[in-house]
Amino acid sequence: MSTITSSISLDEIGARFGYLRIPHSVHDSAYGHIRIPIAVKRQGEGPTILLVAGVHGDEYEGPLALYSLMGELESLDIHGRLIVLPSVNHPAFTAATRCSPIDSLNLNRSFPGAEHGSVTQKIADYIANELLSRADYAIDMHSGGSSLQYLPLLLAPTWSDASKRSTIAGLVEAFGSPLVGHFDSLKALDGGDSVFGNVADRQNCHFLTGEFGGGSTVNLDGLRILSGGLRRVFRHIGLTKGEIGEPSQHHTTRHLNLHDPDLFAFSPVHGIFQPEYKLGAELAPGALAGRIFDMTQPWLPPVEIRFKAGGLAVCIRTFAVVKPGDCLGHLASDL
């Protein structure tokens, strides 16, 4: 059993607001605990959907979309169950950091977690075994955080199983994002297998994720796309019956490939990065991503960084100072 407890029932009928409590005994709080906000509404018969944001603590479009939804929760006419965690990695969220300030772990590289592990591992274990085990569907909301800025785009897992492909295709169409990136969920974009989607699949839970902005600010287009998309998914899965304020759509969805490692650009050196492209630009193969200037020997010629593949610029680095291994940008090619 998890050492995390909930101040509200996840299973009873009605709308409830409360906290997950993680025991956290430290020097200045011997019997202390960490509180993570949670809201649940269960009403009638229908599916369960889990909505999670704040997995990384410097990403804000997801939490704001869920704050708005929580304000409507009591009046929302649903048929099923809605579980909402706007800042599931609350220690990182209050510190405005990607990783937890308590154990320095990245929650989205810590699944399936450990019930008696560190704070981040306990959160991952609770999501896997208490929340995703209850859910038929889940949406995990992200942005580029402090170091990256993304064009708002929905991310959809690719599966070999025809039934899974069909379900995801229906969710993607219902969400209605102008841009949809397709990726191998079981490896994630950096090759890891310890991400939210990996454990969601093991719990037989269909899921979507996405990048809806970044740069530790609020992308209003991303917030609008996310807020409307959530409500259209609710109607698609039968959680709600009528429209609940989602904006109309007037666009054609563009489907993108995010798999190819040649779509990324990384820094090989320390220095100051001067980008030579903008978000939304269409770049040819070999296009210049930017130049890195040596801070200690500024008279030297800058190092030129180029993308190997071409495509739509969906991501750009926000921090000018870079070190070897830092991601400078990310393209996406059309499917």
C-alpha atoms as a PDB file:
ATOM      1  CA  MET A   1       0.000   0.000   0.000  1.00  0.00           C
ATOM      2  CA  SER A   2       1.173   3.503  -0.836  1.00  0.00           C
ATOM      3  CA  THR A   3       2.189   5.747   2.042  1.00  0.00           C
ATOM      4  CA  ILE A   4       0.332   8.556   0.204  1.00  0.00           C
ATOM      5  CA  THR A   5      -3.234   9.037   1.402  1.00  0.00           C
ATOM      6  CA  SER A   6      -6.089  11.142   0.034  1.00  0.00           C
ATOM      7  CA  SER A   7      -8.229  13.471   2.117  1.00  0.00           C
ATOM      8  CA  ILE A   8     -11.144  12.762  -0.239  1.00  0.00           C
ATOM      9  CA  SER A   9     -12.646   9.608  -1.695  1.00  0.00           C
ATOM     10  CA  LEU A  10     -11.699   8.729  -5.247  1.00  0.00           C
ATOM     11  CA  ASP A  11     -14.681   6.414  -5.620  1.00  0.00           C
ATOM     12  CA  GLU A  12     -17.755   7.915  -3.924  1.00  0.00           C
ATOM     13  CA  ILE A  13     -20.503   9.786  -5.768  1.00  0.00           C
ATOM     14  CA  GLY A  14     -20.259  13.581  -5.811  1.00  0.00           C
ATOM     15  CA  ALA A  15     -17.735  16.389  -6.310  1.00  0.00           C
ATOM     16  CA  ARG A  16     -14.888  16.739  -3.827  1.00  0.00           C
ATOM     17  CA  PHE A  17     -11.803  18.910  -3.409  1.00  0.00           C
ATOM     18  CA  GLY A  18      -8.872  18.028  -1.205  1.00  0.00           C
ATOM     19  CA  TYR A  19      -5.276  16.905  -1.031  1.00  0.00           C
ATOM     20  CA  LEU A  20      -3.009  13.944  -1.393  1.00  0.00           C
ATOM     21  CA  ARG A  21      -0.808  13.754   1.705  1.00  0.00           C
ATOM     22  CA  ILE A  22       2.799  12.507   1.518  1.00  0.00           C
ATOM     23  CA  PRO A  23       4.441  11.956   4.915  1.00  0.00           C
ATOM     24  CA  HIS A  24       7.578  14.083   5.006  1.00  0.00           C
ATOM     25  CA  SER A  25       9.439  14.143   8.298  1.00  0.00           C
ATOM     26  CA  VAL A  26      12.234  16.714   8.176  1.00  0.00           C
ATOM     27  CA  HIS A  27      14.247  18.832  10.596  1.00  0.00           C
ATOM     28  CA  ASP A  28      11.728  21.655  10.926  1.00  0.00           C
ATOM     29  CA  SER A  29       8.567  19.497  10.691  1.00  0.00           C
ATOM     30  CA  ALA A  30       8.857  16.175  12.519  1.00  0.00           C
ATOM     31  CA  TYR A  31       5.344  14.951  11.643  1.00  0.00           C
ATOM     32  CA  GLY A  32       4.941  17.008   8.497  1.00  0.00           C
ATOM     33  CA  HIS A  33       3.464  16.108   5.150  1.00  0.00           C
ATOM     34  CA  ILE A  34       3.401  17.466   1.596  1.00  0.00           C
ATOM     35  CA  ARG A  35      -0.045  18.362   0.209  1.00  0.00           C
ATOM     36  CA  ILE A  36      -0.914  17.889  -3.470  1.00  0.00           C
ATOM     37  CA  PRO A  37      -4.244  19.431  -4.626  1.00  0.00           C
ATOM     38  CA  ILE A  38      -6.748  16.979  -6.104  1.00  0.00           C
ATOM     39  CA  ALA A  39     -10.376  17.170  -7.227  1.00  0.00           C
ATOM     40  CA  VAL A  40     -12.716  14.308  -8.105  1.00  0.00           C
ATOM     41  CA  LYS A  41     -16.247  14.172  -9.417  1.00  0.00           C
ATOM     42  CA  ARG A  42     -18.166  10.953  -9.894  1.00  0.00           C
ATOM     43  CA  GLN A  43     -21.703  10.944 -11.209  1.00  0.00           C
ATOM     44  CA  GLY A  44     -23.756   8.351 -13.087  1.00  0.00           C
ATOM     45  CA  GLU A  45     -22.320   5.580 -15.233  1.00  0.00           C
ATOM     46  CA  GLY A  46     -19.486   6.215 -17.634  1.00  0.00           C
ATOM     47  CA  PRO A  47     -15.730   6.301 -18.181  1.00  0.00           C
ATOM     48  CA  THR A  48     -13.022   7.545 -15.834  1.00  0.00           C
ATOM     49  CA  ILE A  49     -10.568  10.120 -17.145  1.00  0.00           C
ATOM     50  CA  LEU A  50      -7.456  11.274 -15.281  1.00  0.00           C
ATOM     51  CA  LEU A  51      -6.158  14.780 -16.007  1.00  0.00           C
ATOM     52  CA  VAL A  52      -2.622  15.525 -14.830  1.00  0.00           C
ATOM     53  CA  ALA A  53      -0.508  18.679 -15.086  1.00  0.00           C
ATOM     54  CA  GLY A  54       2.514  20.013 -13.246  1.00  0.00           C
ATOM     55  CA  VAL A  55       4.547  16.837 -13.686  1.00  0.00           C
ATOM     56  CA  HIS A  56       7.325  19.362 -14.264  1.00  0.00           C
ATOM     57  CA  GLY A  57       7.098  22.350 -11.974  1.00  0.00           C
ATOM     58  CA  ASP A  58       7.957  25.081 -14.499  1.00  0.00           C
ATOM     59  CA  GLU A  59       5.105  24.393 -16.935  1.00  0.00           C
ATOM     60  CA  TYR A  60       1.916  26.442 -16.613  1.00  0.00           C
ATOM     61  CA  GLU A  61      -0.595  25.979 -19.434  1.00  0.00           C
ATOM     62  CA  GLY A  62      -1.792  22.623 -18.063  1.00  0.00           C
ATOM     63  CA  PRO A  63      -2.278  23.797 -14.463  1.00  0.00           C
ATOM     64  CA  LEU A  64      -4.182  26.906 -15.602  1.00  0.00           C
ATOM     65  CA  ALA A  65      -6.492  24.861 -17.842  1.00  0.00           C
ATOM     66  CA  LEU A  66      -7.230  22.561 -14.905  1.00  0.00           C
ATOM     67  CA  TYR A  67      -7.769  25.455 -12.475  1.00  0.00           C
ATOM     68  CA  SER A  68     -10.539  26.667 -14.773  1.00  0.00           C
ATOM     69  CA  LEU A  69     -12.032  23.193 -15.021  1.00  0.00           C
ATOM     70  CA  MET A  70     -11.973  22.751 -11.236  1.00  0.00           C
ATOM     71  CA  GLY A  71     -13.962  25.970 -10.915  1.00  0.00           C
ATOM     72  CA  GLU A  72     -16.718  24.367 -13.018  1.00  0.00           C
ATOM     73  CA  LEU A  73     -16.552  20.934 -11.423  1.00  0.00           C
ATOM     74  CA  GLU A  74     -19.567  21.132  -9.097  1.00  0.00           C
ATOM     75  CA  SER A  75     -21.902  22.315 -11.862  1.00  0.00           C
ATOM     76  CA  LEU A  76     -20.469  20.041 -14.569  1.00  0.00           C
ATOM     77  CA  ASP A  77     -22.974  17.407 -15.741  1.00  0.00           C
ATOM     78  CA  ILE A  78     -20.877  14.296 -16.207  1.00  0.00           C
ATOM     79  CA  HIS A  79     -21.546  10.600 -16.663  1.00  0.00           C
ATOM     80  CA  GLY A  80     -18.572   8.805 -15.152  1.00  0.00           C
ATOM     81  CA  ARG A  81     -15.625  10.071 -13.147  1.00  0.00           C
ATOM     82  CA  LEU A  82     -13.203  12.967 -13.560  1.00  0.00           C
ATOM     83  CA  ILE A  83      -9.957  13.032 -11.537  1.00  0.00           C
ATOM     84  CA  VAL A  84      -7.972  16.281 -11.681  1.00  0.00           C
ATOM     85  CA  LEU A  85      -4.446  16.974 -10.395  1.00  0.00           C
ATOM     86  CA  PRO A  86      -3.267  20.412 -11.578  1.00  0.00           C
ATOM     87  CA  SER A  87       0.178  20.235  -9.936  1.00  0.00           C
ATOM     88  CA  VAL A  88       0.889  16.592  -9.297  1.00  0.00           C
ATOM     89  CA  ASN A  89       4.585  17.254  -8.644  1.00  0.00           C
ATOM     90  CA  HIS A  90       3.733  19.957  -6.105  1.00  0.00           C
ATOM     91  CA  PRO A  91       7.233  20.271  -4.581  1.00  0.00           C
ATOM     92  CA  ALA A  92       8.649  21.109  -8.027  1.00  0.00           C
ATOM     93  CA  PHE A  93       5.650  23.297  -8.875  1.00  0.00           C
ATOM     94  CA  THR A  94       6.005  25.534  -5.825  1.00  0.00           C
ATOM     95  CA  ALA A  95       9.744  25.797  -6.510  1.00  0.00           C
ATOM     96  CA  ALA A  96       9.163  26.512 -10.250  1.00  0.00           C
ATOM     97  CA  THR A  97      11.696  23.837 -11.204  1.00  0.00           C
ATOM     98  CA  ARG A  98      11.585  20.964 -13.661  1.00  0.00           C
ATOM     99  CA  CYS A  99      12.821  18.441 -11.098  1.00  0.00           C
ATOM    100  CA  SER A 100      11.893  18.114  -7.439  1.00  0.00           C
ATOM    101  CA  PRO A 101      13.906  20.291  -5.043  1.00  0.00           C
ATOM    102  CA  ILE A 102      13.606  17.492  -2.478  1.00  0.00           C
ATOM    103  CA  ASP A 103      15.293  14.596  -4.269  1.00  0.00           C
ATOM    104  CA  SER A 104      16.374  16.202  -7.603  1.00  0.00           C
ATOM    105  CA  LEU A 105      14.391  13.589  -9.576  1.00  0.00           C
ATOM    106  CA  ASN A 106      12.411  14.194 -12.766  1.00  0.00           C
ATOM    107  CA  LEU A 107       8.936  12.735 -12.135  1.00  0.00           C
ATOM    108  CA  ASN A 108       8.490  11.896 -15.812  1.00  0.00           C
ATOM    109  CA  ARG A 109      11.607   9.740 -15.730  1.00  0.00           C
ATOM    110  CA  SER A 110      10.716   8.037 -12.415  1.00  0.00           C
ATOM    111  CA  PHE A 111       7.874   5.655 -13.324  1.00  0.00           C
ATOM    112  CA  PRO A 112       6.732   3.168 -12.170  1.00  0.00           C
ATOM    113  CA  GLY A 113       8.058   4.618  -8.916  1.00  0.00           C
ATOM    114  CA  ALA A 114       8.457   2.991  -5.518  1.00  0.00           C
ATOM    115  CA  GLU A 115       5.989   3.078  -2.629  1.00  0.00           C
ATOM    116  CA  HIS A 116       8.789   3.401  -0.063  1.00  0.00           C
ATOM    117  CA  GLY A 117      11.186   5.427  -2.214  1.00  0.00           C
ATOM    118  CA  SER A 118      11.915   9.144  -2.273  1.00  0.00           C
ATOM    119  CA  VAL A 119       9.107  11.724  -2.532  1.00  0.00           C
ATOM    120  CA  THR A 120       9.152  11.749  -6.355  1.00  0.00           C
ATOM    121  CA  GLN A 121       9.205   7.947  -6.508  1.00  0.00           C
ATOM    122  CA  LYS A 122       6.223   7.802  -4.144  1.00  0.00           C
ATOM    123  CA  ILE A 123       4.258  10.212  -6.358  1.00  0.00           C
ATOM    124  CA  ALA A 124       5.062   8.097  -9.438  1.00  0.00           C
ATOM    125  CA  ASP A 125       3.974   4.934  -7.626  1.00  0.00           C
ATOM    126  CA  TYR A 126       0.683   6.541  -6.546  1.00  0.00           C
ATOM    127  CA  ILE A 127      -0.080   7.751 -10.076  1.00  0.00           C
ATOM    128  CA  ALA A 128       0.644   4.293 -11.466  1.00  0.00           C
ATOM    129  CA  ASN A 129      -1.164   2.141  -8.921  1.00  0.00           C
ATOM    130  CA  GLU A 130      -3.921   4.318  -7.469  1.00  0.00           C
ATOM    131  CA  LEU A 131      -4.847   6.713 -10.277  1.00  0.00           C
ATOM    132  CA  LEU A 132      -4.020   5.137 -13.649  1.00  0.00           C
ATOM    133  CA  SER A 133      -5.368   1.802 -12.388  1.00  0.00           C
ATOM    134  CA  ARG A 134      -8.778   3.492 -12.063  1.00  0.00           C
ATOM    135  CA  ALA A 135      -8.661   5.363 -15.376  1.00  0.00           C
ATOM    136  CA  ASP A 136      -9.887   4.416 -18.842  1.00  0.00           C
ATOM    137  CA  TYR A 137      -8.304   7.552 -20.321  1.00  0.00           C
ATOM    138  CA  ALA A 138      -5.618   9.991 -19.217  1.00  0.00           C
ATOM    139  CA  ILE A 139      -4.222  13.281 -20.499  1.00  0.00           C
ATOM    140  CA  ASP A 140      -0.803  14.405 -19.260  1.00  0.00           C
ATOM    141  CA  MET A 141      -0.234  18.102 -20.017  1.00  0.00           C
ATOM    142  CA  HIS A 142       3.212  19.601 -20.585  1.00  0.00           C
ATOM    143  CA  SER A 143       5.093  22.521 -22.107  1.00  0.00           C
ATOM    144  CA  GLY A 144       8.751  23.222 -22.772  1.00  0.00           C
ATOM    145  CA  GLY A 145       9.361  24.417 -19.229  1.00  0.00           C
ATOM    146  CA  SER A 146      12.055  26.987 -18.543  1.00  0.00           C
ATOM    147  CA  SER A 147      14.617  25.878 -21.112  1.00  0.00           C
ATOM    148  CA  LEU A 148      12.431  25.300 -24.181  1.00  0.00           C
ATOM    149  CA  GLN A 149       9.572  26.959 -26.027  1.00  0.00           C
ATOM    150  CA  TYR A 150       7.183  24.821 -28.107  1.00  0.00           C
ATOM    151  CA  LEU A 151       4.578  25.556 -30.697  1.00  0.00           C
ATOM    152  CA  PRO A 152       1.394  24.246 -29.065  1.00  0.00           C
ATOM    153  CA  LEU A 153       0.900  20.680 -30.230  1.00  0.00           C
ATOM    154  CA  LEU A 154      -0.903  17.574 -29.094  1.00  0.00           C
ATOM    155  CA  LEU A 155       1.272  14.453 -28.775  1.00  0.00           C
ATOM    156  CA  ALA A 156      -0.148  11.045 -29.621  1.00  0.00           C
ATOM    157  CA  PRO A 157       1.450   7.625 -29.059  1.00  0.00           C
ATOM    158  CA  THR A 158       1.964   5.292 -31.994  1.00  0.00           C
ATOM    159  CA  TRP A 159       0.948   1.668 -31.584  1.00  0.00           C
ATOM    160  CA  SER A 160       1.188  -1.487 -33.658  1.00  0.00           C
ATOM    161  CA  ASP A 161      -2.087  -2.738 -32.148  1.00  0.00           C
ATOM    162  CA  ALA A 162      -5.000  -1.792 -34.437  1.00  0.00           C
ATOM    163  CA  SER A 163      -7.503  -1.337 -31.607  1.00  0.00           C
ATOM    164  CA  LYS A 164      -5.214   1.056 -29.740  1.00  0.00           C
ATOM    165  CA  ARG A 165      -4.511   2.983 -32.950  1.00  0.00           C
ATOM    166  CA  SER A 166      -8.220   3.396 -33.585  1.00  0.00           C
ATOM    167  CA  THR A 167      -8.946   4.627 -30.063  1.00  0.00           C
ATOM    168  CA  ILE A 168      -6.103   7.140 -30.151  1.00  0.00           C
ATOM    169  CA  ALA A 169      -7.150   8.367 -33.597  1.00  0.00           C
ATOM    170  CA  GLY A 170     -10.626   9.082 -32.252  1.00  0.00           C
ATOM    171  CA  LEU A 171      -9.255  10.989 -29.260  1.00  0.00           C
ATOM    172  CA  VAL A 172      -6.904  13.015 -31.489  1.00  0.00           C
ATOM    173  CA  GLU A 173      -9.701  13.954 -33.887  1.00  0.00           C
ATOM    174  CA  ALA A 174     -11.953  14.954 -31.010  1.00  0.00           C
ATOM    175  CA  PHE A 175      -9.268  17.070 -29.311  1.00  0.00           C
ATOM    176  CA  GLY A 176      -8.881  19.126 -32.471  1.00  0.00           C
ATOM    177  CA  SER A 177      -5.333  20.437 -32.150  1.00  0.00           C
ATOM    178  CA  PRO A 178      -3.981  22.220 -35.253  1.00  0.00           C
ATOM    179  CA  LEU A 179      -0.684  20.326 -34.807  1.00  0.00           C
ATOM    180  CA  VAL A 180      -0.388  16.697 -33.731  1.00  0.00           C
ATOM    181  CA  GLY A 181       2.982  15.050 -33.144  1.00  0.00           C
ATOM    182  CA  HIS A 182       3.229  11.263 -33.270  1.00  0.00           C
ATOM    183  CA  PHE A 183       5.901   9.500 -31.218  1.00  0.00           C
ATOM    184  CA  ASP A 184       6.902   6.150 -29.767  1.00  0.00           C
ATOM    185  CA  SER A 185       5.391   6.382 -26.289  1.00  0.00           C
ATOM    186  CA  LEU A 186       7.248   3.422 -24.865  1.00  0.00           C
ATOM    187  CA  LYS A 187      10.595   5.126 -25.548  1.00  0.00           C
ATOM    188  CA  ALA A 188       9.523   8.772 -25.291  1.00  0.00           C
ATOM    189  CA  LEU A 189      11.406  11.434 -27.239  1.00  0.00           C
ATOM    190  CA  ASP A 190      14.699  10.869 -25.418  1.00  0.00           C
ATOM    191  CA  GLY A 191      14.640   7.068 -25.486  1.00  0.00           C
ATOM    192  CA  GLY A 192      13.502   6.560 -21.892  1.00  0.00           C
ATOM    193  CA  ASP A 193      10.952   3.938 -20.858  1.00  0.00           C
ATOM    194  CA  SER A 194      10.140   5.378 -17.407  1.00  0.00           C
ATOM    195  CA  VAL A 195       7.599   7.983 -18.514  1.00  0.00           C
ATOM    196  CA  PHE A 196       3.907   8.515 -17.754  1.00  0.00           C
ATOM    197  CA  GLY A 197       2.761   6.966 -21.026  1.00  0.00           C
ATOM    198  CA  ASN A 198       4.729   3.789 -20.460  1.00  0.00           C
ATOM    199  CA  VAL A 199       3.006   3.013 -17.175  1.00  0.00           C
ATOM    200  CA  ALA A 200      -0.398   4.210 -18.477  1.00  0.00           C
ATOM    201  CA  ASP A 201      -0.192   1.607 -21.227  1.00  0.00           C
ATOM    202  CA  ARG A 202       0.683  -1.105 -18.700  1.00  0.00           C
ATOM    203  CA  GLN A 203      -2.473  -0.143 -16.808  1.00  0.00           C
ATOM    204  CA  ASN A 204      -4.545  -0.458 -20.025  1.00  0.00           C
ATOM    205  CA  CYS A 205      -5.267   3.263 -19.991  1.00  0.00           C
ATOM    206  CA  HIS A 206      -5.503   5.172 -23.294  1.00  0.00           C
ATOM    207  CA  PHE A 207      -3.630   8.454 -23.086  1.00  0.00           C
ATOM    208  CA  LEU A 208      -2.635  11.647 -24.815  1.00  0.00           C
ATOM    209  CA  THR A 209      -0.021  14.191 -23.872  1.00  0.00           C
ATOM    210  CA  GLY A 210       1.188  17.435 -25.409  1.00  0.00           C
ATOM    211  CA  GLU A 211       3.437  20.474 -25.367  1.00  0.00           C
ATOM    212  CA  PHE A 212       1.374  23.630 -25.117  1.00  0.00           C
ATOM    213  CA  GLY A 213       3.986  26.380 -24.767  1.00  0.00           C
ATOM    214  CA  GLY A 214       6.987  26.870 -22.535  1.00  0.00           C
ATOM    215  CA  GLY A 215       9.643  29.334 -21.500  1.00  0.00           C
ATOM    216  CA  SER A 216       8.170  29.508 -17.960  1.00  0.00           C
ATOM    217  CA  THR A 217       5.420  31.778 -19.248  1.00  0.00           C
ATOM    218  CA  VAL A 218       1.828  31.201 -20.390  1.00  0.00           C
ATOM    219  CA  ASN A 219       1.172  30.597 -24.076  1.00  0.00           C
ATOM    220  CA  LEU A 220      -2.379  31.876 -24.608  1.00  0.00           C
ATOM    221  CA  ASP A 221      -2.812  29.936 -27.861  1.00  0.00           C
ATOM    222  CA  GLY A 222      -1.678  26.770 -26.113  1.00  0.00           C
ATOM    223  CA  LEU A 223      -4.028  27.398 -23.188  1.00  0.00           C
ATOM    224  CA  ARG A 224      -6.945  27.946 -25.569  1.00  0.00           C
ATOM    225  CA  ILE A 225      -6.180  24.797 -27.601  1.00  0.00           C
ATOM    226  CA  LEU A 226      -5.825  22.738 -24.443  1.00  0.00           C
ATOM    227  CA  SER A 227      -8.954  24.018 -22.718  1.00  0.00           C
ATOM    228  CA  GLY A 228     -11.149  23.456 -25.754  1.00  0.00           C
ATOM    229  CA  GLY A 229      -9.554  20.100 -26.547  1.00  0.00           C
ATOM    230  CA  LEU A 230     -10.260  18.712 -23.082  1.00  0.00           C
ATOM    231  CA  ARG A 231     -13.939  19.525 -23.349  1.00  0.00           C
ATOM    232  CA  ARG A 232     -14.256  17.990 -26.807  1.00  0.00           C
ATOM    233  CA  VAL A 233     -12.570  14.794 -25.530  1.00  0.00           C
ATOM    234  CA  PHE A 234     -15.080  14.673 -22.650  1.00  0.00           C
ATOM    235  CA  ARG A 235     -17.924  14.641 -25.140  1.00  0.00           C
ATOM    236  CA  HIS A 236     -16.183  12.122 -27.413  1.00  0.00           C
ATOM    237  CA  ILE A 237     -15.736   9.519 -24.641  1.00  0.00           C
ATOM    238  CA  GLY A 238     -19.261  10.059 -23.287  1.00  0.00           C
ATOM    239  CA  LEU A 239     -18.259  11.814 -20.069  1.00  0.00           C
ATOM    240  CA  THR A 240     -20.447  14.774 -21.065  1.00  0.00           C
ATOM    241  CA  LYS A 241     -23.406  14.847 -23.439  1.00  0.00           C
ATOM    242  CA  GLY A 242     -23.593  18.395 -24.740  1.00  0.00           C
ATOM    243  CA  GLU A 243     -21.190  21.200 -25.516  1.00  0.00           C
ATOM    244  CA  ILE A 244     -19.656  22.824 -22.446  1.00  0.00           C
ATOM    245  CA  GLY A 245     -18.198  26.008 -23.854  1.00  0.00           C
ATOM    246  CA  GLU A 246     -15.489  24.641 -26.116  1.00  0.00           C
ATOM    247  CA  PRO A 247     -14.594  26.987 -29.009  1.00  0.00           C
ATOM    248  CA  SER A 248     -15.394  26.003 -32.571  1.00  0.00           C
ATOM    249  CA  GLN A 249     -12.640  24.701 -34.838  1.00  0.00           C
ATOM    250  CA  HIS A 250     -11.680  26.233 -38.165  1.00  0.00           C
ATOM    251  CA  HIS A 251      -8.469  24.535 -39.177  1.00  0.00           C
ATOM    252  CA  THR A 252      -6.957  21.494 -40.810  1.00  0.00           C
ATOM    253  CA  THR A 253      -4.941  19.253 -38.513  1.00  0.00           C
ATOM    254  CA  ARG A 254      -1.309  18.769 -39.520  1.00  0.00           C
ATOM    255  CA  HIS A 255       0.145  15.396 -38.494  1.00  0.00           C
ATOM    256  CA  LEU A 256       3.862  15.333 -37.715  1.00  0.00           C
ATOM    257  CA  ASN A 257       6.610  12.809 -37.127  1.00  0.00           C
ATOM    258  CA  LEU A 258       8.795  13.414 -34.053  1.00  0.00           C
ATOM    259  CA  HIS A 259      10.764  10.138 -34.071  1.00  0.00           C
ATOM    260  CA  ASP A 260      13.835  10.915 -36.170  1.00  0.00           C
ATOM    261  CA  PRO A 261      16.921  11.869 -34.096  1.00  0.00           C
ATOM    262  CA  ASP A 262      18.096  14.026 -37.026  1.00  0.00           C
ATOM    263  CA  LEU A 263      15.213  16.389 -36.220  1.00  0.00           C
ATOM    264  CA  PHE A 264      17.027  17.545 -33.048  1.00  0.00           C
ATOM    265  CA  ALA A 265      19.969  19.913 -32.653  1.00  0.00           C
ATOM    266  CA  PHE A 266      22.274  19.720 -29.623  1.00  0.00           C
ATOM    267  CA  SER A 267      25.157  21.811 -28.406  1.00  0.00           C
ATOM    268  CA  PRO A 268      28.657  20.269 -28.631  1.00  0.00           C
ATOM    269  CA  VAL A 269      30.320  23.079 -26.628  1.00  0.00           C
ATOM    270  CA  HIS A 270      29.939  25.655 -23.858  1.00  0.00           C
ATOM    271  CA  GLY A 271      28.984  29.153 -24.921  1.00  0.00           C
ATOM    272  CA  ILE A 272      26.219  31.567 -25.842  1.00  0.00           C
ATOM    273  CA  PHE A 273      23.660  30.312 -28.373  1.00  0.00           C
ATOM    274  CA  GLN A 274      22.438  32.706 -31.033  1.00  0.00           C
ATOM    275  CA  PRO A 275      19.514  31.027 -32.832  1.00  0.00           C
ATOM    276  CA  GLU A 276      19.141  31.510 -36.569  1.00  0.00           C
ATOM    277  CA  TYR A 277      15.557  30.283 -36.913  1.00  0.00           C
ATOM    278  CA  LYS A 278      12.162  31.052 -35.386  1.00  0.00           C
ATOM    279  CA  LEU A 279       9.356  28.861 -34.109  1.00  0.00           C
ATOM    280  CA  GLY A 280       7.021  27.906 -36.932  1.00  0.00           C
ATOM    281  CA  ALA A 281       9.683  28.252 -39.627  1.00  0.00           C
ATOM    282  CA  GLU A 282       9.927  25.626 -42.367  1.00  0.00           C
ATOM    283  CA  LEU A 283      13.578  24.557 -42.568  1.00  0.00           C
ATOM    284  CA  ALA A 284      15.375  22.634 -45.299  1.00  0.00           C
ATOM    285  CA  PRO A 285      17.754  19.753 -44.498  1.00  0.00           C
ATOM    286  CA  GLY A 286      21.071  21.152 -43.290  1.00  0.00           C
ATOM    287  CA  ALA A 287      19.548  24.453 -42.200  1.00  0.00           C
ATOM    288  CA  LEU A 288      21.488  26.550 -39.721  1.00  0.00           C
ATOM    289  CA  ALA A 289      20.090  26.163 -36.212  1.00  0.00           C
ATOM    290  CA  GLY A 290      22.366  28.807 -34.762  1.00  0.00           C
ATOM    291  CA  ARG A 291      25.853  29.826 -33.685  1.00  0.00           C
ATOM    292  CA  ILE A 292      27.554  29.274 -30.343  1.00  0.00           C
ATOM    293  CA  PHE A 293      30.075  31.889 -29.213  1.00  0.00           C
ATOM    294  CA  ASP A 294      32.916  31.112 -26.818  1.00  0.00           C
ATOM    295  CA  MET A 295      32.560  33.345 -23.731  1.00  0.00           C
ATOM    296  CA  THR A 296      36.206  32.961 -22.713  1.00  0.00           C
ATOM    297  CA  GLN A 297      37.694  33.532 -26.171  1.00  0.00           C
ATOM    298  CA  PRO A 298      35.099  35.721 -27.901  1.00  0.00           C
ATOM    299  CA  TRP A 299      37.465  36.549 -30.778  1.00  0.00           C
ATOM    300  CA  LEU A 300      37.207  32.955 -32.040  1.00  0.00           C
ATOM    301  CA  PRO A 301      34.764  32.155 -34.855  1.00  0.00           C
ATOM    302  CA  PRO A 302      31.449  30.832 -33.501  1.00  0.00           C
ATOM    303  CA  VAL A 303      30.557  27.147 -33.829  1.00  0.00           C
ATOM    304  CA  GLU A 304      27.791  26.656 -36.387  1.00  0.00           C
ATOM    305  CA  ILE A 305      25.069  24.123 -35.519  1.00  0.00           C
ATOM    306  CA  ARG A 306      22.900  22.675 -38.270  1.00  0.00           C
ATOM    307  CA  PHE A 307      19.870  20.411 -38.366  1.00  0.00           C
ATOM    308  CA  LYS A 308      20.492  17.252 -40.372  1.00  0.00           C
ATOM    309  CA  ALA A 309      16.880  16.776 -41.378  1.00  0.00           C
ATOM    310  CA  GLY A 310      14.395  19.425 -42.459  1.00  0.00           C
ATOM    311  CA  GLY A 311      10.929  20.215 -41.167  1.00  0.00           C
ATOM    312  CA  LEU A 312       8.697  22.495 -39.144  1.00  0.00           C
ATOM    313  CA  ALA A 313      10.445  24.204 -36.209  1.00  0.00           C
ATOM    314  CA  VAL A 314       8.283  23.154 -33.263  1.00  0.00           C
ATOM    315  CA  CYS A 315      10.775  23.876 -30.468  1.00  0.00           C
ATOM    316  CA  ILE A 316      13.547  26.349 -29.655  1.00  0.00           C
ATOM    317  CA  ARG A 317      15.827  26.838 -26.662  1.00  0.00           C
ATOM    318  CA  THR A 318      15.059  29.803 -24.401  1.00  0.00           C
ATOM    319  CA  PHE A 319      18.304  29.869 -22.385  1.00  0.00           C
ATOM    320  CA  ALA A 320      21.151  31.577 -24.254  1.00  0.00           C
ATOM    321  CA  VAL A 321      23.936  29.991 -22.203  1.00  0.00           C
ATOM    322  CA  VAL A 322      24.533  26.385 -23.267  1.00  0.00           C
ATOM    323  CA  LYS A 323      26.778  23.459 -22.436  1.00  0.00           C
ATOM    324  CA  PRO A 324      27.565  20.233 -24.297  1.00  0.00           C
ATOM    325  CA  GLY A 325      24.454  18.080 -24.622  1.00  0.00           C
ATOM    326  CA  ASP A 326      21.860  20.841 -24.298  1.00  0.00           C
ATOM    327  CA  CYS A 327      18.957  20.676 -26.745  1.00  0.00           C
ATOM    328  CA  LEU A 328      18.914  23.751 -28.994  1.00  0.00           C
ATOM    329  CA  GLY A 329      15.841  22.950 -31.018  1.00  0.00           C
ATOM    330  CA  HIS A 330      13.528  20.349 -32.464  1.00  0.00           C
ATOM    331  CA  LEU A 331      11.894  19.999 -35.875  1.00  0.00           C
ATOM    332  CA  ALA A 332       9.004  17.845 -36.986  1.00  0.00           C
ATOM    333  CA  SER A 333       8.468  16.315 -40.435  1.00  0.00           C
ATOM    334  CA  ASP A 334       5.098  15.742 -42.078  1.00  0.00           C
ATOM    335  CA  LEU A 335       3.559  12.300 -41.967  1.00  0.00           C
END
